[in-house]
Amino acid sequence: MKLYWIKTNKFLKKIFSGYIWDIPNSENKIYLTFDDGPTPEITEWVLEQLKKHQAKATFFCIGKNIKNHSGIFHKIIEEGHAIGNHTNNHLNGWKTTTNDYLENISLCSTEIENQKFEAKNQQSPLFRPPYCKIKKTQFKELKKLGYKIIMWDVLSADFDQSITPEKCLENVLQNVQSGSIIIFHDSVKAFKNLEYTLPRSLGILKQRGFNFESIQ
């Protein structure tokens, strides 16, 4: 049974207005995001697809994956993409105390800093809660620390192994509009759907006149 929504509705965006769900603009800019990496081979494949279409994106990385695959992490930065914090161990905020959650985010932040790389022109640290589950107390503390909490406008659902790659592509193409923040995952679990959907999304959306930007 599906327990997620593909297109974030206006009511939810209004209720949780402190979160960034989309970035409205009149220039047909859209924002591709990738969660859960860096992942050997898969993240590198994603970077190749983005390069083919001169597309920039934002990667919400897990701290332990950054540590284990620092070379891939460096490549993300070197190719001009933005980096976001996705906790050190992919924690579910609803099931984690605020102190433990903040400490885990700090571990990821330290790992990013340890790599001695800084995303170009990125003024504020970006954070996306794993599973998009975060408590109000956690949100408030992160805002105090200067984080931008990045949610999403369009969910590809590439992680859902019960849907077909064609359905995954449909989820993106039927719901994107100027300003949309779109979620993909550069993970082993999602790759079956991602491998089909990403290159087609890039090609079709580019033909429609969209520009792919990173989140600043």
Protein backbone atom coordinates (compact mmCIF):
# COMPACT_ATOMS: atom_id res chain seq x y z
CA MET A 1 0.00 0.00 0.00
CA LYS A 2 1.44 3.38 -1.04
CA LEU A 3 2.16 5.63 1.95
CA TYR A 4 3.55 8.66 0.12
CA TRP A 5 2.35 11.37 -2.23
CA ILE A 6 3.91 12.15 -5.60
CA LYS A 7 2.96 15.81 -5.87
CA THR A 8 3.09 17.98 -2.74
CA ASN A 9 -0.19 19.87 -2.40
CA LYS A 10 -0.52 23.59 -1.71
CA PHE A 11 -2.23 23.03 1.64
CA LEU A 12 0.73 21.06 3.01
CA LYS A 13 3.18 23.68 1.75
CA LYS A 14 1.17 26.38 3.52
CA ILE A 15 0.92 24.49 6.82
CA PHE A 16 4.65 23.74 6.83
CA SER A 17 5.73 27.02 5.32
CA GLY A 18 9.10 27.05 7.11
CA TYR A 19 10.27 24.19 4.93
CA ILE A 20 11.38 24.69 1.32
CA TRP A 21 9.09 22.63 -0.91
CA ASP A 22 9.82 24.37 -4.19
CA ILE A 23 11.64 27.44 -5.52
CA PRO A 24 9.16 29.40 -7.67
CA ASN A 25 10.65 31.27 -10.61
CA SER A 26 9.71 32.52 -14.06
CA GLU A 27 12.80 31.11 -15.77
CA ASN A 28 11.76 27.46 -16.03
CA LYS A 29 14.37 26.45 -13.47
CA ILE A 30 13.85 23.08 -11.78
CA TYR A 31 15.92 21.38 -9.11
CA LEU A 32 16.96 17.74 -9.32
CA THR A 33 18.02 16.25 -6.00
CA PHE A 34 19.59 12.89 -5.16
CA ASP A 35 19.41 11.29 -1.72
CA ASP A 36 21.43 8.61 0.09
CA GLY A 37 24.78 8.65 -1.72
CA PRO A 38 27.56 8.67 -2.52
CA THR A 39 27.16 5.14 -3.85
CA PRO A 40 29.91 3.45 -5.91
CA GLU A 41 29.12 3.21 -9.63
CA ILE A 42 25.58 4.58 -9.21
CA THR A 43 26.51 8.14 -8.19
CA GLU A 44 29.19 8.17 -10.86
CA TRP A 45 26.60 7.07 -13.43
CA VAL A 46 24.29 9.88 -12.28
CA LEU A 47 27.11 12.39 -12.72
CA GLU A 48 27.67 11.16 -16.28
CA GLN A 49 23.98 11.63 -17.13
CA LEU A 50 23.96 15.14 -15.67
CA LYS A 51 27.08 16.09 -17.60
CA LYS A 52 25.54 14.93 -20.89
CA HIS A 53 22.74 17.45 -20.42
CA GLN A 54 24.78 20.24 -18.80
CA ALA A 55 22.57 19.82 -15.74
CA LYS A 56 23.38 20.81 -12.17
CA ALA A 57 21.84 19.07 -9.18
CA THR A 58 21.94 18.83 -5.39
CA PHE A 59 23.14 15.70 -3.60
CA PHE A 60 21.89 15.05 -0.06
CA CYS A 61 24.64 12.80 1.23
CA ILE A 62 24.85 10.43 4.18
CA GLY A 63 27.90 11.07 6.34
CA LYS A 64 29.07 7.46 6.56
CA ASN A 65 28.86 7.18 2.76
CA ILE A 66 30.93 10.35 2.36
CA LYS A 67 33.60 8.84 4.62
CA ASN A 68 33.60 5.49 2.82
CA HIS A 69 33.49 6.94 -0.70
CA SER A 70 35.29 10.28 -0.41
CA GLY A 71 36.59 10.15 -3.98
CA ILE A 72 33.06 10.09 -5.37
CA PHE A 73 32.05 12.86 -2.98
CA HIS A 74 34.91 15.03 -4.25
CA LYS A 75 33.80 14.37 -7.82
CA ILE A 76 30.28 15.66 -7.06
CA ILE A 77 31.76 18.94 -5.85
CA GLU A 78 34.35 19.20 -8.61
CA GLU A 79 31.62 18.93 -11.24
CA GLY A 80 29.77 21.91 -9.78
CA HIS A 81 26.90 20.32 -7.91
CA ALA A 82 25.61 21.35 -4.49
CA ILE A 83 25.84 19.24 -1.35
CA GLY A 84 23.27 18.76 1.42
CA ASN A 85 23.31 16.96 4.76
CA HIS A 86 21.15 13.81 5.02
CA THR A 87 22.30 12.78 8.54
CA ASN A 88 25.25 10.51 9.24
CA ASN A 89 23.25 7.27 9.40
CA HIS A 90 19.96 7.96 7.57
CA LEU A 91 17.96 8.47 10.77
CA ASN A 92 14.18 8.68 11.02
CA GLY A 93 13.54 11.88 12.96
CA TRP A 94 10.20 10.64 14.31
CA LYS A 95 11.97 7.71 15.97
CA THR A 96 14.98 9.65 17.24
CA THR A 97 15.37 12.06 20.18
CA THR A 98 16.14 15.62 19.20
CA ASN A 99 19.57 15.51 20.85
CA ASP A 100 20.55 12.29 19.08
CA TYR A 101 19.22 13.61 15.79
CA LEU A 102 21.17 16.86 16.00
CA GLU A 103 24.32 15.00 17.01
CA ASN A 104 24.00 12.70 14.01
CA ILE A 105 23.53 15.67 11.68
CA SER A 106 26.61 17.27 13.22
CA LEU A 107 28.63 14.13 12.48
CA CYS A 108 27.63 14.37 8.83
CA SER A 109 28.46 18.07 8.77
CA THR A 110 31.89 17.34 10.23
CA GLU A 111 32.50 14.68 7.59
CA ILE A 112 31.64 17.19 4.86
CA GLU A 113 33.99 19.76 6.39
CA ASN A 114 36.74 17.18 6.77
CA GLN A 115 36.81 16.71 3.02
CA LYS A 116 37.97 20.33 2.73
CA PHE A 117 35.55 21.02 -0.10
CA GLU A 118 32.92 23.73 -0.22
CA ALA A 119 30.03 24.00 -2.67
CA LYS A 120 30.37 27.11 -4.82
CA ASN A 121 28.11 30.01 -3.84
CA GLN A 122 26.22 27.89 -1.30
CA GLN A 123 25.38 30.44 1.39
CA SER A 124 23.52 28.30 3.93
CA PRO A 125 23.86 24.62 4.84
CA LEU A 126 21.17 22.46 3.28
CA PHE A 127 19.44 19.60 5.07
CA ARG A 128 16.89 17.03 4.00
CA PRO A 129 15.39 14.72 6.63
CA PRO A 130 15.54 11.04 5.67
CA TYR A 131 12.06 9.70 4.89
CA CYS A 132 11.02 13.40 5.10
CA LYS A 133 10.26 12.69 8.77
CA ILE A 134 11.33 15.35 11.25
CA LYS A 135 9.92 16.56 14.58
CA LYS A 136 8.97 20.18 15.19
CA THR A 137 11.66 20.47 17.89
CA GLN A 138 14.30 19.15 15.49
CA PHE A 139 13.18 21.57 12.80
CA LYS A 140 13.38 24.55 15.17
CA GLU A 141 16.89 23.67 16.33
CA LEU A 142 18.15 23.23 12.78
CA LYS A 143 16.69 26.60 11.79
CA LYS A 144 18.57 28.19 14.70
CA LEU A 145 21.76 26.66 13.30
CA GLY A 146 21.10 28.29 9.95
CA TYR A 147 20.01 25.24 7.96
CA LYS A 148 17.63 25.41 5.03
CA ILE A 149 15.27 22.43 5.32
CA ILE A 150 14.74 21.17 1.79
CA MET A 151 11.68 19.00 1.14
CA TRP A 152 10.20 18.39 -2.31
CA ASP A 153 7.52 19.22 -4.82
CA VAL A 154 7.76 16.05 -6.97
CA LEU A 155 8.65 12.56 -5.78
CA SER A 156 9.85 10.17 -8.46
CA ALA A 157 9.31 7.20 -6.10
CA ASP A 158 12.31 5.49 -7.67
CA PHE A 159 12.87 3.74 -4.32
CA ASP A 160 9.55 1.88 -4.66
CA GLN A 161 10.41 -1.48 -6.16
CA SER A 162 6.73 -2.29 -6.66
CA ILE A 163 6.33 0.32 -9.41
CA THR A 164 7.59 0.03 -12.98
CA PRO A 165 10.31 2.27 -14.41
CA GLU A 166 7.66 3.65 -16.78
CA LYS A 167 5.49 4.69 -13.82
CA CYS A 168 8.48 6.32 -12.18
CA LEU A 169 9.07 8.40 -15.30
CA GLU A 170 5.39 9.31 -15.42
CA ASN A 171 5.55 10.51 -11.81
CA VAL A 172 8.15 13.06 -12.82
CA LEU A 173 6.91 14.21 -16.22
CA GLN A 174 3.26 14.64 -15.24
CA ASN A 175 3.94 16.72 -12.14
CA VAL A 176 6.96 18.93 -12.80
CA GLN A 177 6.59 22.67 -13.23
CA SER A 178 8.89 25.67 -13.00
CA GLY A 179 10.37 25.74 -9.51
CA SER A 180 9.84 22.06 -8.74
CA ILE A 181 12.26 20.25 -6.43
CA ILE A 182 12.39 16.64 -7.63
CA ILE A 183 13.63 13.72 -5.52
CA PHE A 184 15.67 10.84 -6.91
CA HIS A 185 17.94 8.43 -5.03
CA ASP A 186 21.48 7.47 -6.06
CA SER A 187 21.16 4.16 -4.21
CA VAL A 188 21.28 0.47 -5.10
CA LYS A 189 17.61 0.04 -4.16
CA ALA A 190 16.44 2.77 -6.54
CA PHE A 191 18.73 2.07 -9.47
CA LYS A 192 16.33 -0.11 -11.51
CA ASN A 193 13.90 2.79 -11.77
CA LEU A 194 16.55 5.53 -11.80
CA GLU A 195 18.47 3.99 -14.69
CA TYR A 196 15.36 4.19 -16.87
CA THR A 197 13.89 7.45 -15.57
CA LEU A 198 16.79 9.86 -15.17
CA PRO A 199 18.16 10.01 -18.74
CA ARG A 200 14.65 10.20 -20.18
CA SER A 201 13.62 12.90 -17.71
CA LEU A 202 16.69 14.95 -18.53
CA GLY A 203 16.10 14.68 -22.27
CA ILE A 204 12.36 15.33 -22.26
CA LEU A 205 12.41 18.13 -19.71
CA LYS A 206 15.24 19.84 -21.55
CA GLN A 207 13.15 19.67 -24.74
CA ARG A 208 10.30 21.30 -22.80
CA GLY A 209 12.58 24.23 -22.04
CA PHE A 210 13.45 23.50 -18.41
CA ASN A 211 16.83 24.41 -16.92
CA PHE A 212 18.42 22.23 -14.26
CA GLU A 213 19.94 24.13 -11.34
CA SER A 214 21.44 23.28 -7.97
CA ILE A 215 19.91 24.60 -4.75
CA GLN A 216 21.81 27.44 -3.08
